[in-house]
Amino acid sequence: MKMISMTAIAAVIALSIVAFGATETAKAGPIVPPGHDCLEYAEGGTDCSFTSYAQCEATASGLAAECYAPAVRDDEHWRWQGRGVGQ
């Protein structure tokens, strides 16, 4: 009986470690929709609803916030607007 309870405790501890370790990847940041820019507030939180960097900057003006664009360029969005390679 003592062996079963020790095994159960060990299993609960192992599952807790896995569960809490998996939540760290969720803090990677927001998923940015194609063709959008994001506003990050100093108090926390983001808003990725802006369709241009200038629109984001105008909203951030006077606030404790900072705009950023997606890390990877969205080629389809650039081609659609006629700014892609070969244009």
PDB file of N, CA and C in Angstrom:
ATOM      1  N   MET A   1       0.825  -1.196   0.000  1.00  0.00           N
ATOM      2  CA  MET A   1       0.000   0.000   0.000  1.00  0.00           C
ATOM      3  C   MET A   1       0.868   1.259   0.000  1.00  0.00           C
ATOM      4  N   LYS A   2       1.950   1.206   0.764  1.00  0.00           N
ATOM      5  CA  LYS A   2       2.835   2.357   0.827  1.00  0.00           C
ATOM      6  C   LYS A   2       3.514   2.597  -0.525  1.00  0.00           C
ATOM      7  N   MET A   3       3.819   1.526  -1.243  1.00  0.00           N
ATOM      8  CA  MET A   3       4.463   1.637  -2.549  1.00  0.00           C
ATOM      9  C   MET A   3       3.524   2.283  -3.564  1.00  0.00           C
ATOM     10  N   ILE A   4       2.230   1.950  -3.497  1.00  0.00           N
ATOM     11  CA  ILE A   4       1.252   2.524  -4.420  1.00  0.00           C
ATOM     12  C   ILE A   4       1.109   4.021  -4.179  1.00  0.00           C
ATOM     13  N   SER A   5       1.041   4.452  -2.922  1.00  0.00           N
ATOM     14  CA  SER A   5       0.897   5.880  -2.635  1.00  0.00           C
ATOM     15  C   SER A   5       2.156   6.656  -3.027  1.00  0.00           C
ATOM     16  N   MET A   6       3.326   6.073  -2.846  1.00  0.00           N
ATOM     17  CA  MET A   6       4.574   6.740  -3.258  1.00  0.00           C
ATOM     18  C   MET A   6       4.621   6.871  -4.779  1.00  0.00           C
ATOM     19  N   THR A   7       4.152   5.865  -5.492  1.00  0.00           N
ATOM     20  CA  THR A   7       4.113   5.909  -6.957  1.00  0.00           C
ATOM     21  C   THR A   7       3.114   6.969  -7.423  1.00  0.00           C
ATOM     22  N   ALA A   8       1.986   7.039  -6.755  1.00  0.00           N
ATOM     23  CA  ALA A   8       0.977   8.037  -7.112  1.00  0.00           C
ATOM     24  C   ALA A   8       1.498   9.448  -6.881  1.00  0.00           C
ATOM     25  N   ILE A   9       2.176   9.674  -5.779  1.00  0.00           N
ATOM     26  CA  ILE A   9       2.752  10.999  -5.484  1.00  0.00           C
ATOM     27  C   ILE A   9       3.802  11.357  -6.528  1.00  0.00           C
ATOM     28  N   ALA A  10       4.645  10.409  -6.881  1.00  0.00           N
ATOM     29  CA  ALA A  10       5.673  10.655  -7.892  1.00  0.00           C
ATOM     30  C   ALA A  10       5.041  10.985  -9.240  1.00  0.00           C
ATOM     31  N   ALA A  11       3.955  10.311  -9.589  1.00  0.00           N
ATOM     32  CA  ALA A  11       3.269  10.570 -10.854  1.00  0.00           C
ATOM     33  C   ALA A  11       2.649  11.960 -10.862  1.00  0.00           C
ATOM     34  N   VAL A  12       2.048  12.361  -9.750  1.00  0.00           N
ATOM     35  CA  VAL A  12       1.447  13.702  -9.657  1.00  0.00           C
ATOM     36  C   VAL A  12       2.524  14.776  -9.783  1.00  0.00           C
ATOM     37  N   ILE A  13       3.648  14.586  -9.141  1.00  0.00           N
ATOM     38  CA  ILE A  13       4.746  15.556  -9.232  1.00  0.00           C
ATOM     39  C   ILE A  13       5.268  15.633 -10.670  1.00  0.00           C
ATOM     40  N   ALA A  14       5.449  14.500 -11.317  1.00  0.00           N
ATOM     41  CA  ALA A  14       5.943  14.487 -12.696  1.00  0.00           C
ATOM     42  C   ALA A  14       4.968  15.179 -13.642  1.00  0.00           C
ATOM     43  N   LEU A  15       3.676  14.912 -13.492  1.00  0.00           N
ATOM     44  CA  LEU A  15       2.676  15.560 -14.340  1.00  0.00           C
ATOM     45  C   LEU A  15       2.610  17.064 -14.087  1.00  0.00           C
ATOM     46  N   SER A  16       2.795  17.488 -12.849  1.00  0.00           N
ATOM     47  CA  SER A  16       2.809  18.917 -12.527  1.00  0.00           C
ATOM     48  C   SER A  16       3.981  19.624 -13.195  1.00  0.00           C
ATOM     49  N   ILE A  17       5.127  18.984 -13.178  1.00  0.00           N
ATOM     50  CA  ILE A  17       6.312  19.571 -13.816  1.00  0.00           C
ATOM     51  C   ILE A  17       6.091  19.716 -15.311  1.00  0.00           C
ATOM     52  N   VAL A  18       5.525  18.699 -15.928  1.00  0.00           N
ATOM     53  CA  VAL A  18       5.254  18.756 -17.368  1.00  0.00           C
ATOM     54  C   VAL A  18       4.224  19.839 -17.670  1.00  0.00           C
ATOM     55  N   ALA A  19       3.169  19.919 -16.870  1.00  0.00           N
ATOM     56  CA  ALA A  19       2.112  20.901 -17.110  1.00  0.00           C
ATOM     57  C   ALA A  19       2.623  22.328 -16.961  1.00  0.00           C
ATOM     58  N   PHE A  20       3.396  22.603 -15.925  1.00  0.00           N
ATOM     59  CA  PHE A  20       3.914  23.955 -15.735  1.00  0.00           C
ATOM     60  C   PHE A  20       5.001  24.283 -16.739  1.00  0.00           C
ATOM     61  N   GLY A  21       5.746  23.301 -17.175  1.00  0.00           N
ATOM     62  CA  GLY A  21       6.765  23.525 -18.201  1.00  0.00           C
ATOM     63  C   GLY A  21       6.142  23.847 -19.545  1.00  0.00           C
ATOM     64  N   ALA A  22       4.983  23.278 -19.843  1.00  0.00           N
ATOM     65  CA  ALA A  22       4.305  23.515 -21.120  1.00  0.00           C
ATOM     66  C   ALA A  22       3.717  24.913 -21.195  1.00  0.00           C
ATOM     67  N   THR A  23       3.407  25.540 -20.070  1.00  0.00           N
ATOM     68  CA  THR A  23       2.818  26.876 -20.101  1.00  0.00           C
ATOM     69  C   THR A  23       3.829  27.945 -20.462  1.00  0.00           C
ATOM     70  N   GLU A  24       5.104  27.676 -20.360  1.00  0.00           N
ATOM     71  CA  GLU A  24       6.118  28.667 -20.709  1.00  0.00           C
ATOM     72  C   GLU A  24       6.089  29.013 -22.194  1.00  0.00           C
ATOM     73  N   THR A  25       5.759  28.064 -23.061  1.00  0.00           N
ATOM     74  CA  THR A  25       5.721  28.346 -24.489  1.00  0.00           C
ATOM     75  C   THR A  25       4.557  29.261 -24.848  1.00  0.00           C
ATOM     76  N   ALA A  26       3.541  29.323 -24.022  1.00  0.00           N
ATOM     77  CA  ALA A  26       2.406  30.187 -24.295  1.00  0.00           C
ATOM     78  C   ALA A  26       2.751  31.658 -24.113  1.00  0.00           C
ATOM     79  N   LYS A  27       3.856  31.979 -23.484  1.00  0.00           N
ATOM     80  CA  LYS A  27       4.250  33.360 -23.262  1.00  0.00           C
ATOM     81  C   LYS A  27       5.128  33.899 -24.393  1.00  0.00           C
ATOM     82  N   ALA A  28       5.122  33.239 -25.535  1.00  0.00           N
ATOM     83  CA  ALA A  28       5.973  33.637 -26.654  1.00  0.00           C
ATOM     84  C   ALA A  28       5.498  34.937 -27.293  1.00  0.00           C
ATOM     85  N   GLY A  29       4.268  35.329 -27.115  1.00  0.00           N
ATOM     86  CA  GLY A  29       3.752  36.552 -27.692  1.00  0.00           C
ATOM     87  C   GLY A  29       2.519  36.283 -28.527  1.00  0.00           C
ATOM     88  N   PRO A  30       1.901  37.358 -28.987  1.00  0.00           N
ATOM     89  CA  PRO A  30       0.672  37.191 -29.746  1.00  0.00           C
ATOM     90  C   PRO A  30       0.938  36.671 -31.152  1.00  0.00           C
ATOM     91  N   ILE A  31      -0.040  36.030 -31.727  1.00  0.00           N
ATOM     92  CA  ILE A  31       0.029  35.636 -33.123  1.00  0.00           C
ATOM     93  C   ILE A  31      -0.476  36.829 -33.923  1.00  0.00           C
ATOM     94  N   VAL A  32       0.380  37.346 -34.789  1.00  0.00           N
ATOM     95  CA  VAL A  32       0.054  38.547 -35.552  1.00  0.00           C
ATOM     96  C   VAL A  32      -0.619  38.141 -36.864  1.00  0.00           C
ATOM     97  N   PRO A  33      -1.825  38.646 -37.107  1.00  0.00           N
ATOM     98  CA  PRO A  33      -2.491  38.344 -38.379  1.00  0.00           C
ATOM     99  C   PRO A  33      -1.681  38.898 -39.545  1.00  0.00           C
ATOM    100  N   PRO A  34      -1.744  38.272 -40.716  1.00  0.00           N
ATOM    101  CA  PRO A  34      -1.000  38.765 -41.877  1.00  0.00           C
ATOM    102  C   PRO A  34      -1.366  40.215 -42.208  1.00  0.00           C
ATOM    103  N   GLY A  35      -0.359  41.027 -42.436  1.00  0.00           N
ATOM    104  CA  GLY A  35      -0.581  42.414 -42.821  1.00  0.00           C
ATOM    105  C   GLY A  35      -0.927  43.343 -41.678  1.00  0.00           C
ATOM    106  N   HIS A  36      -0.720  42.935 -40.436  1.00  0.00           N
ATOM    107  CA  HIS A  36      -1.056  43.767 -39.288  1.00  0.00           C
ATOM    108  C   HIS A  36       0.190  44.136 -38.488  1.00  0.00           C
ATOM    109  N   ASP A  37       0.093  45.240 -37.780  1.00  0.00           N
ATOM    110  CA  ASP A  37       1.127  45.676 -36.852  1.00  0.00           C
ATOM    111  C   ASP A  37       0.542  45.688 -35.454  1.00  0.00           C
ATOM    112  N   CYS A  38       1.418  45.598 -34.449  1.00  0.00           N
ATOM    113  CA  CYS A  38       0.949  45.468 -33.069  1.00  0.00           C
ATOM    114  C   CYS A  38       1.374  46.652 -32.207  1.00  0.00           C
ATOM    115  N   LEU A  39       0.581  46.918 -31.209  1.00  0.00           N
ATOM    116  CA  LEU A  39       0.850  47.931 -30.195  1.00  0.00           C
ATOM    117  C   LEU A  39       0.981  47.190 -28.873  1.00  0.00           C
ATOM    118  N   GLU A  40       2.111  47.388 -28.196  1.00  0.00           N
ATOM    119  CA  GLU A  40       2.340  46.749 -26.900  1.00  0.00           C
ATOM    120  C   GLU A  40       2.313  47.824 -25.826  1.00  0.00           C
ATOM    121  N   TYR A  41       1.407  47.679 -24.881  1.00  0.00           N
ATOM    122  CA  TYR A  41       1.255  48.640 -23.797  1.00  0.00           C
ATOM    123  C   TYR A  41       2.265  48.364 -22.695  1.00  0.00           C
ATOM    124  N   ALA A  42       2.805  49.417 -22.085  1.00  0.00           N
ATOM    125  CA  ALA A  42       3.802  49.275 -21.023  1.00  0.00           C
ATOM    126  C   ALA A  42       3.219  48.563 -19.805  1.00  0.00           C
ATOM    127  N   GLU A  43       1.926  48.740 -19.547  1.00  0.00           N
ATOM    128  CA  GLU A  43       1.284  48.089 -18.403  1.00  0.00           C
ATOM    129  C   GLU A  43       0.984  46.622 -18.679  1.00  0.00           C
ATOM    130  N   GLY A  44       1.178  46.206 -19.922  1.00  0.00           N
ATOM    131  CA  GLY A  44       0.879  44.834 -20.322  1.00  0.00           C
ATOM    132  C   GLY A  44      -0.244  44.807 -21.325  1.00  0.00           C
ATOM    133  N   GLY A  45      -0.224  43.841 -22.178  1.00  0.00           N
ATOM    134  CA  GLY A  45      -1.259  43.682 -23.192  1.00  0.00           C
ATOM    135  C   GLY A  45      -0.795  44.156 -24.550  1.00  0.00           C
ATOM    136  N   THR A  46      -1.403  43.598 -25.572  1.00  0.00           N
ATOM    137  CA  THR A  46      -1.087  43.957 -26.944  1.00  0.00           C
ATOM    138  C   THR A  46      -2.368  44.121 -27.745  1.00  0.00           C
ATOM    139  N   ASP A  47      -2.245  44.865 -28.845  1.00  0.00           N
ATOM    140  CA  ASP A  47      -3.352  45.055 -29.780  1.00  0.00           C
ATOM    141  C   ASP A  47      -2.776  44.923 -31.183  1.00  0.00           C
ATOM    142  N   CYS A  48      -3.115  43.868 -31.888  1.00  0.00           N
ATOM    143  CA  CYS A  48      -2.585  43.615 -33.229  1.00  0.00           C
ATOM    144  C   CYS A  48      -3.636  43.847 -34.303  1.00  0.00           C
ATOM    145  N   SER A  49      -4.470  44.857 -34.116  1.00  0.00           N
ATOM    146  CA  SER A  49      -5.547  45.123 -35.064  1.00  0.00           C
ATOM    147  C   SER A  49      -5.211  46.203 -36.076  1.00  0.00           C
ATOM    148  N   PHE A  50      -4.000  46.738 -36.056  1.00  0.00           N
ATOM    149  CA  PHE A  50      -3.648  47.847 -36.935  1.00  0.00           C
ATOM    150  C   PHE A  50      -3.209  47.340 -38.300  1.00  0.00           C
ATOM    151  N   THR A  51      -3.742  47.954 -39.344  1.00  0.00           N
ATOM    152  CA  THR A  51      -3.410  47.521 -40.701  1.00  0.00           C
ATOM    153  C   THR A  51      -2.221  48.280 -41.277  1.00  0.00           C
ATOM    154  N   SER A  52      -1.695  49.256 -40.556  1.00  0.00           N
ATOM    155  CA  SER A  52      -0.480  49.947 -40.988  1.00  0.00           C
ATOM    156  C   SER A  52       0.315  50.371 -39.754  1.00  0.00           C
ATOM    157  N   TYR A  53       1.618  50.518 -39.953  1.00  0.00           N
ATOM    158  CA  TYR A  53       2.492  50.939 -38.864  1.00  0.00           C
ATOM    159  C   TYR A  53       2.161  52.383 -38.456  1.00  0.00           C
ATOM    160  N   ALA A  54       1.824  53.220 -39.440  1.00  0.00           N
ATOM    161  CA  ALA A  54       1.481  54.618 -39.147  1.00  0.00           C
ATOM    162  C   ALA A  54       0.222  54.701 -38.280  1.00  0.00           C
ATOM    163  N   GLN A  55      -0.748  53.854 -38.549  1.00  0.00           N
ATOM    164  CA  GLN A  55      -1.973  53.818 -37.748  1.00  0.00           C
ATOM    165  C   GLN A  55      -1.653  53.432 -36.307  1.00  0.00           C
ATOM    166  N   CYS A  56      -0.753  52.481 -36.136  1.00  0.00           N
ATOM    167  CA  CYS A  56      -0.335  52.057 -34.803  1.00  0.00           C
ATOM    168  C   CYS A  56       0.387  53.191 -34.079  1.00  0.00           C
ATOM    169  N   GLU A  57       1.313  53.849 -34.776  1.00  0.00           N
ATOM    170  CA  GLU A  57       2.061  54.960 -34.184  1.00  0.00           C
ATOM    171  C   GLU A  57       1.128  56.092 -33.757  1.00  0.00           C
ATOM    172  N   ALA A  58       0.125  56.383 -34.556  1.00  0.00           N
ATOM    173  CA  ALA A  58      -0.824  57.444 -34.212  1.00  0.00           C
ATOM    174  C   ALA A  58      -1.589  57.094 -32.936  1.00  0.00           C
ATOM    175  N   THR A  59      -1.953  55.845 -32.786  1.00  0.00           N
ATOM    176  CA  THR A  59      -2.662  55.407 -31.588  1.00  0.00           C
ATOM    177  C   THR A  59      -1.743  55.424 -30.369  1.00  0.00           C
ATOM    178  N   ALA A  60      -0.476  55.071 -30.559  1.00  0.00           N
ATOM    179  CA  ALA A  60       0.475  55.014 -29.449  1.00  0.00           C
ATOM    180  C   ALA A  60       0.922  56.394 -28.989  1.00  0.00           C
ATOM    181  N   SER A  61       0.715  57.406 -29.807  1.00  0.00           N
ATOM    182  CA  SER A  61       1.157  58.762 -29.477  1.00  0.00           C
ATOM    183  C   SER A  61       0.554  59.226 -28.152  1.00  0.00           C
ATOM    184  N   GLY A  62       1.415  59.574 -27.224  1.00  0.00           N
ATOM    185  CA  GLY A  62       0.977  60.062 -25.920  1.00  0.00           C
ATOM    186  C   GLY A  62       0.695  58.968 -24.910  1.00  0.00           C
ATOM    187  N   LEU A  63       0.786  57.725 -25.317  1.00  0.00           N
ATOM    188  CA  LEU A  63       0.564  56.601 -24.412  1.00  0.00           C
ATOM    189  C   LEU A  63       1.896  55.945 -24.070  1.00  0.00           C
ATOM    190  N   ALA A  64       1.906  55.200 -23.010  1.00  0.00           N
ATOM    191  CA  ALA A  64       3.081  54.398 -22.667  1.00  0.00           C
ATOM    192  C   ALA A  64       2.957  53.093 -23.440  1.00  0.00           C
ATOM    193  N   ALA A  65       3.255  53.174 -24.739  1.00  0.00           N
ATOM    194  CA  ALA A  65       3.096  52.018 -25.617  1.00  0.00           C
ATOM    195  C   ALA A  65       4.114  52.082 -26.741  1.00  0.00           C
ATOM    196  N   GLU A  66       4.323  50.930 -27.374  1.00  0.00           N
ATOM    197  CA  GLU A  66       5.305  50.835 -28.456  1.00  0.00           C
ATOM    198  C   GLU A  66       4.748  49.943 -29.564  1.00  0.00           C
ATOM    199  N   CYS A  67       4.967  50.341 -30.808  1.00  0.00           N
ATOM    200  CA  CYS A  67       4.509  49.567 -31.959  1.00  0.00           C
ATOM    201  C   CYS A  67       5.610  48.643 -32.443  1.00  0.00           C
ATOM    202  N   TYR A  68       5.210  47.518 -33.002  1.00  0.00           N
ATOM    203  CA  TYR A  68       6.155  46.627 -33.652  1.00  0.00           C
ATOM    204  C   TYR A  68       5.459  45.890 -34.782  1.00  0.00           C
ATOM    205  N   ALA A  69       6.247  45.552 -35.771  1.00  0.00           N
ATOM    206  CA  ALA A  69       5.752  44.818 -36.932  1.00  0.00           C
ATOM    207  C   ALA A  69       6.056  43.336 -36.740  1.00  0.00           C
ATOM    208  N   PRO A  70       5.425  42.466 -37.498  1.00  0.00           N
ATOM    209  CA  PRO A  70       5.737  41.035 -37.403  1.00  0.00           C
ATOM    210  C   PRO A  70       7.212  40.793 -37.701  1.00  0.00           C
ATOM    211  N   ALA A  71       7.794  39.801 -37.058  1.00  0.00           N
ATOM    212  CA  ALA A  71       9.214  39.506 -37.240  1.00  0.00           C
ATOM    213  C   ALA A  71       9.503  38.969 -38.641  1.00  0.00           C
ATOM    214  N   VAL A  72       8.568  38.245 -39.214  1.00  0.00           N
ATOM    215  CA  VAL A  72       8.746  37.682 -40.548  1.00  0.00           C
ATOM    216  C   VAL A  72       7.852  38.441 -41.514  1.00  0.00           C
ATOM    217  N   ARG A  73       8.446  38.902 -42.601  1.00  0.00           N
ATOM    218  CA  ARG A  73       7.672  39.659 -43.575  1.00  0.00           C
ATOM    219  C   ARG A  73       6.636  38.756 -44.229  1.00  0.00           C
ATOM    220  N   ASP A  74       5.455  39.250 -44.369  1.00  0.00           N
ATOM    221  CA  ASP A  74       4.366  38.523 -44.998  1.00  0.00           C
ATOM    222  C   ASP A  74       4.436  38.766 -46.504  1.00  0.00           C
ATOM    223  N   ASP A  75       5.048  37.845 -47.254  1.00  0.00           N
ATOM    224  CA  ASP A  75       5.251  38.032 -48.687  1.00  0.00           C
ATOM    225  C   ASP A  75       3.941  38.165 -49.457  1.00  0.00           C
ATOM    226  N   GLU A  76       2.938  37.393 -49.085  1.00  0.00           N
ATOM    227  CA  GLU A  76       1.663  37.478 -49.784  1.00  0.00           C
ATOM    228  C   GLU A  76       1.065  38.881 -49.646  1.00  0.00           C
ATOM    229  N   HIS A  77       1.139  39.449 -48.470  1.00  0.00           N
ATOM    230  CA  HIS A  77       0.608  40.794 -48.251  1.00  0.00           C
ATOM    231  C   HIS A  77       1.368  41.802 -49.099  1.00  0.00           C
ATOM    232  N   TRP A  78       2.687  41.666 -49.158  1.00  0.00           N
ATOM    233  CA  TRP A  78       3.506  42.597 -49.942  1.00  0.00           C
ATOM    234  C   TRP A  78       3.205  42.459 -51.430  1.00  0.00           C
ATOM    235  N   ARG A  79       3.046  41.230 -51.916  1.00  0.00           N
ATOM    236  CA  ARG A  79       2.745  41.022 -53.338  1.00  0.00           C
ATOM    237  C   ARG A  79       1.382  41.589 -53.680  1.00  0.00           C
ATOM    238  N   TRP A  80       0.421  41.404 -52.779  1.00  0.00           N
ATOM    239  CA  TRP A  80      -0.936  41.890 -53.023  1.00  0.00           C
ATOM    240  C   TRP A  80      -0.950  43.401 -53.168  1.00  0.00           C
ATOM    241  N   GLN A  81      -0.112  44.094 -52.423  1.00  0.00           N
ATOM    242  CA  GLN A  81      -0.073  45.551 -52.487  1.00  0.00           C
ATOM    243  C   GLN A  81       0.853  46.052 -53.584  1.00  0.00           C
ATOM    244  N   GLY A  82       1.451  45.143 -54.345  1.00  0.00           N
ATOM    245  CA  GLY A  82       2.305  45.551 -55.450  1.00  0.00           C
ATOM    246  C   GLY A  82       3.688  45.971 -55.029  1.00  0.00           C
ATOM    247  N   ARG A  83       4.126  45.547 -53.817  1.00  0.00           N
ATOM    248  CA  ARG A  83       5.443  45.932 -53.341  1.00  0.00           C
ATOM    249  C   ARG A  83       6.388  44.742 -53.298  1.00  0.00           C
ATOM    250  N   GLY A  84       6.000  43.635 -53.823  1.00  0.00           N
ATOM    251  CA  GLY A  84       6.799  42.423 -53.742  1.00  0.00           C
ATOM    252  C   GLY A  84       7.993  42.429 -54.666  1.00  0.00           C
ATOM    253  N   VAL A  85       8.713  41.331 -54.678  1.00  0.00           N
ATOM    254  CA  VAL A  85       9.888  41.171 -55.509  1.00  0.00           C
ATOM    255  C   VAL A  85       9.488  41.243 -56.978  1.00  0.00           C
ATOM    256  N   GLY A  86      10.276  41.966 -57.755  1.00  0.00           N
ATOM    257  CA  GLY A  86      10.010  42.077 -59.179  1.00  0.00           C
ATOM    258  C   GLY A  86       8.983  43.137 -59.535  1.00  0.00           C
ATOM    259  N   GLN A  87       8.537  43.890 -58.588  1.00  0.00           N
ATOM    260  CA  GLN A  87       7.546  44.942 -58.849  1.00  0.00           C
ATOM    261  C   GLN A  87       8.216  46.277 -58.997  1.00  0.00           C
TER     262      GLN A  87
END
